[in-house]
Amino acid sequence: MAEIKTLDCGCEIIVATNGSVMLTYCPLHKSAPDLYEACKAQHEAIDILFAMLIIKDKTFFPSKSGIPWEATVKGYQVISKVAKEL
């Protein structure tokens, strides 16, 4: 048995009894799965770049980098939120 849920944004998802989820309709987010995967990949790339900077410059602290750090934090929050909805 499966249950159809409508999210606040209008997305319709099917939740199976085993917990798997499938996005079936999304008027606002037609490319939502692709965007989600792209955001995860970009977040991982930023983490790697921060690590590379730390190796090159021991005085570099990502959390003190300003806009790059703020963007990373916001991206992580969105990725986490979407992951909970999926």
PDB file of N, CA and C in Angstrom:
ATOM      1  N   MET A   1       0.845  -1.177   0.000  1.00  0.00           N
ATOM      2  CA  MET A   1       0.000   0.000   0.000  1.00  0.00           C
ATOM      3  C   MET A   1       0.887   1.235   0.000  1.00  0.00           C
ATOM      4  N   ALA A   2       0.462   2.241  -0.678  1.00  0.00           N
ATOM      5  CA  ALA A   2       1.210   3.490  -0.750  1.00  0.00           C
ATOM      6  C   ALA A   2       0.284   4.648  -0.413  1.00  0.00           C
ATOM      7  N   GLU A   3       0.898   5.715   0.022  1.00  0.00           N
ATOM      8  CA  GLU A   3       0.145   6.903   0.407  1.00  0.00           C
ATOM      9  C   GLU A   3       0.626   8.076  -0.441  1.00  0.00           C
ATOM     10  N   ILE A   4      -0.296   8.863  -0.965  1.00  0.00           N
ATOM     11  CA  ILE A   4       0.061  10.059  -1.722  1.00  0.00           C
ATOM     12  C   ILE A   4       0.009  11.240  -0.770  1.00  0.00           C
ATOM     13  N   LYS A   5       1.101  12.006  -0.745  1.00  0.00           N
ATOM     14  CA  LYS A   5       1.175  13.195   0.101  1.00  0.00           C
ATOM     15  C   LYS A   5       1.420  14.403  -0.777  1.00  0.00           C
ATOM     16  N   THR A   6       0.865  15.527  -0.374  1.00  0.00           N
ATOM     17  CA  THR A   6       1.124  16.786  -1.054  1.00  0.00           C
ATOM     18  C   THR A   6       1.915  17.670  -0.104  1.00  0.00           C
ATOM     19  N   LEU A   7       3.091  18.104  -0.550  1.00  0.00           N
ATOM     20  CA  LEU A   7       3.937  18.968   0.262  1.00  0.00           C
ATOM     21  C   LEU A   7       3.438  20.407   0.182  1.00  0.00           C
ATOM     22  N   ASP A   8       3.916  21.253   1.062  1.00  0.00           N
ATOM     23  CA  ASP A   8       3.494  22.653   1.107  1.00  0.00           C
ATOM     24  C   ASP A   8       3.710  23.361  -0.229  1.00  0.00           C
ATOM     25  N   CYS A   9       4.726  22.963  -0.958  1.00  0.00           N
ATOM     26  CA  CYS A   9       5.055  23.623  -2.226  1.00  0.00           C
ATOM     27  C   CYS A   9       4.155  23.168  -3.370  1.00  0.00           C
ATOM     28  N   GLY A  10       3.356  22.126  -3.149  1.00  0.00           N
ATOM     29  CA  GLY A  10       2.486  21.600  -4.191  1.00  0.00           C
ATOM     30  C   GLY A  10       2.972  20.297  -4.796  1.00  0.00           C
ATOM     31  N   CYS A  11       4.167  19.858  -4.431  1.00  0.00           N
ATOM     32  CA  CYS A  11       4.693  18.594  -4.937  1.00  0.00           C
ATOM     33  C   CYS A  11       3.837  17.442  -4.424  1.00  0.00           C
ATOM     34  N   GLU A  12       3.579  16.497  -5.280  1.00  0.00           N
ATOM     35  CA  GLU A  12       2.903  15.279  -4.863  1.00  0.00           C
ATOM     36  C   GLU A  12       3.917  14.153  -4.851  1.00  0.00           C
ATOM     37  N   ILE A  13       3.965  13.435  -3.755  1.00  0.00           N
ATOM     38  CA  ILE A  13       4.889  12.311  -3.636  1.00  0.00           C
ATOM     39  C   ILE A  13       4.115  11.068  -3.228  1.00  0.00           C
ATOM     40  N   ILE A  14       4.649   9.946  -3.600  1.00  0.00           N
ATOM     41  CA  ILE A  14       4.089   8.659  -3.184  1.00  0.00           C
ATOM     42  C   ILE A  14       5.042   8.060  -2.161  1.00  0.00           C
ATOM     43  N   VAL A  15       4.513   7.729  -0.999  1.00  0.00           N
ATOM     44  CA  VAL A  15       5.317   7.109   0.046  1.00  0.00           C
ATOM     45  C   VAL A  15       4.858   5.662   0.166  1.00  0.00           C
ATOM     46  N   ALA A  16       5.758   4.726  -0.131  1.00  0.00           N
ATOM     47  CA  ALA A  16       5.436   3.305  -0.049  1.00  0.00           C
ATOM     48  C   ALA A  16       5.534   2.827   1.393  1.00  0.00           C
ATOM     49  N   THR A  17       4.950   1.692   1.676  1.00  0.00           N
ATOM     50  CA  THR A  17       4.973   1.159   3.038  1.00  0.00           C
ATOM     51  C   THR A  17       6.389   0.838   3.506  1.00  0.00           C
ATOM     52  N   ASN A  18       7.309   0.596   2.569  1.00  0.00           N
ATOM     53  CA  ASN A  18       8.694   0.317   2.962  1.00  0.00           C
ATOM     54  C   ASN A  18       9.487   1.598   3.197  1.00  0.00           C
ATOM     55  N   GLY A  19       8.835   2.758   3.049  1.00  0.00           N
ATOM     56  CA  GLY A  19       9.491   4.027   3.317  1.00  0.00           C
ATOM     57  C   GLY A  19      10.086   4.707   2.102  1.00  0.00           C
ATOM     58  N   SER A  20      10.100   4.014   0.962  1.00  0.00           N
ATOM     59  CA  SER A  20      10.657   4.657  -0.226  1.00  0.00           C
ATOM     60  C   SER A  20       9.697   5.740  -0.716  1.00  0.00           C
ATOM     61  N   VAL A  21      10.264   6.746  -1.353  1.00  0.00           N
ATOM     62  CA  VAL A  21       9.494   7.899  -1.789  1.00  0.00           C
ATOM     63  C   VAL A  21       9.743   8.133  -3.267  1.00  0.00           C
ATOM     64  N   MET A  22       8.676   8.512  -3.974  1.00  0.00           N
ATOM     65  CA  MET A  22       8.817   8.831  -5.385  1.00  0.00           C
ATOM     66  C   MET A  22       8.074  10.127  -5.659  1.00  0.00           C
ATOM     67  N   LEU A  23       8.745  11.096  -6.269  1.00  0.00           N
ATOM     68  CA  LEU A  23       8.131  12.339  -6.662  1.00  0.00           C
ATOM     69  C   LEU A  23       7.322  12.067  -7.920  1.00  0.00           C
ATOM     70  N   THR A  24       6.025  12.376  -7.893  1.00  0.00           N
ATOM     71  CA  THR A  24       5.185  12.081  -9.046  1.00  0.00           C
ATOM     72  C   THR A  24       4.778  13.322  -9.811  1.00  0.00           C
ATOM     73  N   TYR A  25       4.619  14.435  -9.111  1.00  0.00           N
ATOM     74  CA  TYR A  25       4.178  15.653  -9.772  1.00  0.00           C
ATOM     75  C   TYR A  25       4.672  16.846  -8.986  1.00  0.00           C
ATOM     76  N   CYS A  26       5.167  17.819  -9.690  1.00  0.00           N
ATOM     77  CA  CYS A  26       5.644  19.012  -9.012  1.00  0.00           C
ATOM     78  C   CYS A  26       5.505  20.201  -9.951  1.00  0.00           C
ATOM     79  N   PRO A  27       4.463  20.992  -9.786  1.00  0.00           N
ATOM     80  CA  PRO A  27       4.252  22.116 -10.700  1.00  0.00           C
ATOM     81  C   PRO A  27       5.325  23.200 -10.587  1.00  0.00           C
ATOM     82  N   LEU A  28       5.899  23.366  -9.410  1.00  0.00           N
ATOM     83  CA  LEU A  28       6.891  24.411  -9.202  1.00  0.00           C
ATOM     84  C   LEU A  28       8.321  23.919  -9.360  1.00  0.00           C
ATOM     85  N   HIS A  29       8.545  22.653  -9.150  1.00  0.00           N
ATOM     86  CA  HIS A  29       9.898  22.105  -9.109  1.00  0.00           C
ATOM     87  C   HIS A  29      10.062  20.965 -10.111  1.00  0.00           C
ATOM     88  N   LYS A  30       9.779  21.230 -11.366  1.00  0.00           N
ATOM     89  CA  LYS A  30       9.829  20.159 -12.363  1.00  0.00           C
ATOM     90  C   LYS A  30      11.194  19.491 -12.434  1.00  0.00           C
ATOM     91  N   SER A  31      12.233  20.225 -12.096  1.00  0.00           N
ATOM     92  CA  SER A  31      13.574  19.636 -12.129  1.00  0.00           C
ATOM     93  C   SER A  31      14.137  19.471 -10.725  1.00  0.00           C
ATOM     94  N   ALA A  32      13.274  19.374  -9.731  1.00  0.00           N
ATOM     95  CA  ALA A  32      13.714  19.296  -8.338  1.00  0.00           C
ATOM     96  C   ALA A  32      14.730  18.183  -8.081  1.00  0.00           C
ATOM     97  N   PRO A  33      14.519  16.967  -8.548  1.00  0.00           N
ATOM     98  CA  PRO A  33      15.522  15.920  -8.277  1.00  0.00           C
ATOM     99  C   PRO A  33      16.897  16.264  -8.858  1.00  0.00           C
ATOM    100  N   ASP A  34      16.918  16.833 -10.060  1.00  0.00           N
ATOM    101  CA  ASP A  34      18.192  17.214 -10.675  1.00  0.00           C
ATOM    102  C   ASP A  34      18.861  18.334  -9.895  1.00  0.00           C
ATOM    103  N   LEU A  35      18.074  19.315  -9.461  1.00  0.00           N
ATOM    104  CA  LEU A  35      18.627  20.426  -8.688  1.00  0.00           C
ATOM    105  C   LEU A  35      19.168  19.946  -7.350  1.00  0.00           C
ATOM    106  N   TYR A  36      18.453  19.026  -6.719  1.00  0.00           N
ATOM    107  CA  TYR A  36      18.894  18.474  -5.439  1.00  0.00           C
ATOM    108  C   TYR A  36      20.249  17.780  -5.597  1.00  0.00           C
ATOM    109  N   GLU A  37      20.387  16.952  -6.614  1.00  0.00           N
ATOM    110  CA  GLU A  37      21.648  16.245  -6.855  1.00  0.00           C
ATOM    111  C   GLU A  37      22.766  17.236  -7.192  1.00  0.00           C
ATOM    112  N   ALA A  38      22.447  18.265  -7.968  1.00  0.00           N
ATOM    113  CA  ALA A  38      23.456  19.273  -8.312  1.00  0.00           C
ATOM    114  C   ALA A  38      23.912  20.027  -7.066  1.00  0.00           C
ATOM    115  N   CYS A  39      22.969  20.368  -6.193  1.00  0.00           N
ATOM    116  CA  CYS A  39      23.324  21.073  -4.951  1.00  0.00           C
ATOM    117  C   CYS A  39      24.229  20.215  -4.073  1.00  0.00           C
ATOM    118  N   LYS A  40      23.912  18.925  -3.963  1.00  0.00           N
ATOM    119  CA  LYS A  40      24.760  18.031  -3.164  1.00  0.00           C
ATOM    120  C   LYS A  40      26.170  17.966  -3.739  1.00  0.00           C
ATOM    121  N   ALA A  41      26.274  17.867  -5.071  1.00  0.00           N
ATOM    122  CA  ALA A  41      27.582  17.785  -5.715  1.00  0.00           C
ATOM    123  C   ALA A  41      28.364  19.087  -5.526  1.00  0.00           C
ATOM    124  N   GLN A  42      27.691  20.222  -5.662  1.00  0.00           N
ATOM    125  CA  GLN A  42      28.373  21.500  -5.471  1.00  0.00           C
ATOM    126  C   GLN A  42      28.828  21.662  -4.027  1.00  0.00           C
ATOM    127  N   HIS A  43      28.009  21.233  -3.089  1.00  0.00           N
ATOM    128  CA  HIS A  43      28.379  21.334  -1.677  1.00  0.00           C
ATOM    129  C   HIS A  43      29.632  20.497  -1.395  1.00  0.00           C
ATOM    130  N   GLU A  44      29.680  19.303  -1.961  1.00  0.00           N
ATOM    131  CA  GLU A  44      30.851  18.448  -1.786  1.00  0.00           C
ATOM    132  C   GLU A  44      32.091  19.090  -2.413  1.00  0.00           C
ATOM    133  N   ALA A  45      31.918  19.713  -3.585  1.00  0.00           N
ATOM    134  CA  ALA A  45      33.045  20.379  -4.248  1.00  0.00           C
ATOM    135  C   ALA A  45      33.565  21.543  -3.409  1.00  0.00           C
ATOM    136  N   ILE A  46      32.655  22.305  -2.820  1.00  0.00           N
ATOM    137  CA  ILE A  46      33.069  23.423  -1.965  1.00  0.00           C
ATOM    138  C   ILE A  46      33.828  22.909  -0.748  1.00  0.00           C
ATOM    139  N   ASP A  47      33.348  21.825  -0.157  1.00  0.00           N
ATOM    140  CA  ASP A  47      34.062  21.229   0.981  1.00  0.00           C
ATOM    141  C   ASP A  47      35.487  20.837   0.588  1.00  0.00           C
ATOM    142  N   ILE A  48      35.631  20.242  -0.581  1.00  0.00           N
ATOM    143  CA  ILE A  48      36.960  19.827  -1.052  1.00  0.00           C
ATOM    144  C   ILE A  48      37.843  21.050  -1.279  1.00  0.00           C
ATOM    145  N   LEU A  49      37.286  22.091  -1.881  1.00  0.00           N
ATOM    146  CA  LEU A  49      38.068  23.306  -2.118  1.00  0.00           C
ATOM    147  C   LEU A  49      38.496  23.966  -0.810  1.00  0.00           C
ATOM    148  N   PHE A  50      37.601  23.988   0.171  1.00  0.00           N
ATOM    149  CA  PHE A  50      37.977  24.513   1.487  1.00  0.00           C
ATOM    150  C   PHE A  50      39.133  23.696   2.072  1.00  0.00           C
ATOM    151  N   ALA A  51      39.050  22.389   1.958  1.00  0.00           N
ATOM    152  CA  ALA A  51      40.114  21.527   2.477  1.00  0.00           C
ATOM    153  C   ALA A  51      41.441  21.807   1.770  1.00  0.00           C
ATOM    154  N   MET A  52      41.378  22.014   0.464  1.00  0.00           N
ATOM    155  CA  MET A  52      42.594  22.310  -0.296  1.00  0.00           C
ATOM    156  C   MET A  52      43.206  23.645   0.155  1.00  0.00           C
ATOM    157  N   LEU A  53      42.343  24.622   0.426  1.00  0.00           N
ATOM    158  CA  LEU A  53      42.842  25.913   0.915  1.00  0.00           C
ATOM    159  C   LEU A  53      43.489  25.771   2.290  1.00  0.00           C
ATOM    160  N   ILE A  54      42.885  24.969   3.138  1.00  0.00           N
ATOM    161  CA  ILE A  54      43.437  24.754   4.481  1.00  0.00           C
ATOM    162  C   ILE A  54      44.820  24.116   4.390  1.00  0.00           C
ATOM    163  N   ILE A  55      45.000  23.174   3.475  1.00  0.00           N
ATOM    164  CA  ILE A  55      46.305  22.523   3.289  1.00  0.00           C
ATOM    165  C   ILE A  55      47.346  23.539   2.822  1.00  0.00           C
ATOM    166  N   LYS A  56      46.945  24.437   1.924  1.00  0.00           N
ATOM    167  CA  LYS A  56      47.874  25.447   1.386  1.00  0.00           C
ATOM    168  C   LYS A  56      48.164  26.562   2.379  1.00  0.00           C
ATOM    169  N   ASP A  57      47.155  26.939   3.157  1.00  0.00           N
ATOM    170  CA  ASP A  57      47.295  28.080   4.071  1.00  0.00           C
ATOM    171  C   ASP A  57      46.736  27.689   5.438  1.00  0.00           C
ATOM    172  N   LYS A  58      47.635  27.367   6.347  1.00  0.00           N
ATOM    173  CA  LYS A  58      47.229  26.894   7.682  1.00  0.00           C
ATOM    174  C   LYS A  58      46.469  27.951   8.483  1.00  0.00           C
ATOM    175  N   THR A  59      46.512  29.204   8.032  1.00  0.00           N
ATOM    176  CA  THR A  59      45.793  30.266   8.747  1.00  0.00           C
ATOM    177  C   THR A  59      44.377  30.458   8.212  1.00  0.00           C
ATOM    178  N   PHE A  60      44.016  29.719   7.138  1.00  0.00           N
ATOM    179  CA  PHE A  60      42.692  29.865   6.535  1.00  0.00           C
ATOM    180  C   PHE A  60      41.656  29.095   7.352  1.00  0.00           C
ATOM    181  N   PHE A  61      40.579  29.782   7.701  1.00  0.00           N
ATOM    182  CA  PHE A  61      39.461  29.170   8.405  1.00  0.00           C
ATOM    183  C   PHE A  61      38.196  29.396   7.577  1.00  0.00           C
ATOM    184  N   PRO A  62      37.586  28.325   7.044  1.00  0.00           N
ATOM    185  CA  PRO A  62      36.397  28.498   6.210  1.00  0.00           C
ATOM    186  C   PRO A  62      35.305  29.324   6.887  1.00  0.00           C
ATOM    187  N   SER A  63      35.120  29.114   8.175  1.00  0.00           N
ATOM    188  CA  SER A  63      34.045  29.812   8.876  1.00  0.00           C
ATOM    189  C   SER A  63      34.298  31.314   8.998  1.00  0.00           C
ATOM    190  N   LYS A  64      35.499  31.759   8.668  1.00  0.00           N
ATOM    191  CA  LYS A  64      35.825  33.190   8.719  1.00  0.00           C
ATOM    192  C   LYS A  64      35.985  33.775   7.309  1.00  0.00           C
ATOM    193  N   SER A  65      35.526  33.039   6.303  1.00  0.00           N
ATOM    194  CA  SER A  65      35.720  33.475   4.916  1.00  0.00           C
ATOM    195  C   SER A  65      34.599  34.368   4.402  1.00  0.00           C
ATOM    196  N   GLY A  66      33.583  34.605   5.208  1.00  0.00           N
ATOM    197  CA  GLY A  66      32.508  35.497   4.794  1.00  0.00           C
ATOM    198  C   GLY A  66      31.494  34.842   3.884  1.00  0.00           C
ATOM    199  N   ILE A  67      31.299  35.457   2.723  1.00  0.00           N
ATOM    200  CA  ILE A  67      30.259  35.003   1.796  1.00  0.00           C
ATOM    201  C   ILE A  67      30.405  33.538   1.395  1.00  0.00           C
ATOM    202  N   PRO A  68      31.618  33.032   1.086  1.00  0.00           N
ATOM    203  CA  PRO A  68      31.704  31.606   0.735  1.00  0.00           C
ATOM    204  C   PRO A  68      31.175  30.691   1.848  1.00  0.00           C
ATOM    205  N   TRP A  69      31.474  31.022   3.087  1.00  0.00           N
ATOM    206  CA  TRP A  69      31.020  30.190   4.205  1.00  0.00           C
ATOM    207  C   TRP A  69      29.517  30.308   4.371  1.00  0.00           C
ATOM    208  N   GLU A  70      28.994  31.519   4.275  1.00  0.00           N
ATOM    209  CA  GLU A  70      27.550  31.729   4.413  1.00  0.00           C
ATOM    210  C   GLU A  70      26.787  30.953   3.339  1.00  0.00           C
ATOM    211  N   ALA A  71      27.298  30.959   2.124  1.00  0.00           N
ATOM    212  CA  ALA A  71      26.662  30.211   1.039  1.00  0.00           C
ATOM    213  C   ALA A  71      26.706  28.712   1.306  1.00  0.00           C
ATOM    214  N   THR A  72      27.815  28.244   1.851  1.00  0.00           N
ATOM    215  CA  THR A  72      27.946  26.824   2.179  1.00  0.00           C
ATOM    216  C   THR A  72      26.944  26.421   3.243  1.00  0.00           C
ATOM    217  N   VAL A  73      26.797  27.233   4.260  1.00  0.00           N
ATOM    218  CA  VAL A  73      25.847  26.940   5.345  1.00  0.00           C
ATOM    219  C   VAL A  73      24.418  26.933   4.808  1.00  0.00           C
ATOM    220  N   LYS A  74      24.062  27.939   4.006  1.00  0.00           N
ATOM    221  CA  LYS A  74      22.711  27.987   3.437  1.00  0.00           C
ATOM    222  C   LYS A  74      22.456  26.777   2.546  1.00  0.00           C
ATOM    223  N   GLY A  75      23.447  26.421   1.728  1.00  0.00           N
ATOM    224  CA  GLY A  75      23.298  25.254   0.861  1.00  0.00           C
ATOM    225  C   GLY A  75      23.077  23.981   1.659  1.00  0.00           C
ATOM    226  N   TYR A  76      23.838  23.816   2.741  1.00  0.00           N
ATOM    227  CA  TYR A  76      23.680  22.630   3.585  1.00  0.00           C
ATOM    228  C   TYR A  76      22.287  22.590   4.200  1.00  0.00           C
ATOM    229  N   GLN A  77      21.775  23.745   4.623  1.00  0.00           N
ATOM    230  CA  GLN A  77      20.440  23.791   5.220  1.00  0.00           C
ATOM    231  C   GLN A  77      19.372  23.366   4.220  1.00  0.00           C
ATOM    232  N   VAL A  78      19.495  23.826   2.983  1.00  0.00           N
ATOM    233  CA  VAL A  78      18.519  23.463   1.955  1.00  0.00           C
ATOM    234  C   VAL A  78      18.619  21.975   1.625  1.00  0.00           C
ATOM    235  N   ILE A  79      19.836  21.479   1.470  1.00  0.00           N
ATOM    236  CA  ILE A  79      20.029  20.057   1.171  1.00  0.00           C
ATOM    237  C   ILE A  79      19.425  19.201   2.283  1.00  0.00           C
ATOM    238  N   SER A  80      19.656  19.574   3.523  1.00  0.00           N
ATOM    239  CA  SER A  80      19.111  18.824   4.666  1.00  0.00           C
ATOM    240  C   SER A  80      17.595  18.866   4.683  1.00  0.00           C
ATOM    241  N   LYS A  81      17.026  20.024   4.406  1.00  0.00           N
ATOM    242  CA  LYS A  81      15.566  20.169   4.390  1.00  0.00           C
ATOM    243  C   LYS A  81      14.931  19.310   3.306  1.00  0.00           C
ATOM    244  N   VAL A  82      15.496  19.354   2.112  1.00  0.00           N
ATOM    245  CA  VAL A  82      14.960  18.560   1.011  1.00  0.00           C
ATOM    246  C   VAL A  82      15.103  17.074   1.290  1.00  0.00           C
ATOM    247  N   ALA A  83      16.231  16.681   1.869  1.00  0.00           N
ATOM    248  CA  ALA A  83      16.453  15.259   2.169  1.00  0.00           C
ATOM    249  C   ALA A  83      15.396  14.736   3.129  1.00  0.00           C
ATOM    250  N   LYS A  84      14.958  15.565   4.072  1.00  0.00           N
ATOM    251  CA  LYS A  84      13.916  15.149   5.013  1.00  0.00           C
ATOM    252  C   LYS A  84      12.566  15.001   4.346  1.00  0.00           C
ATOM    253  N   GLU A  85      12.317  15.800   3.287  1.00  0.00           N
ATOM    254  CA  GLU A  85      11.041  15.741   2.580  1.00  0.00           C
ATOM    255  C   GLU A  85      10.974  14.593   1.595  1.00  0.00           C
ATOM    256  N   LEU A  86      12.133  14.092   1.182  1.00  0.00           N
ATOM    257  CA  LEU A  86      12.147  13.007   0.194  1.00  0.00           C
ATOM    258  C   LEU A  86      11.952  11.657   0.819  1.00  0.00           C
TER     259      LEU A  86
END
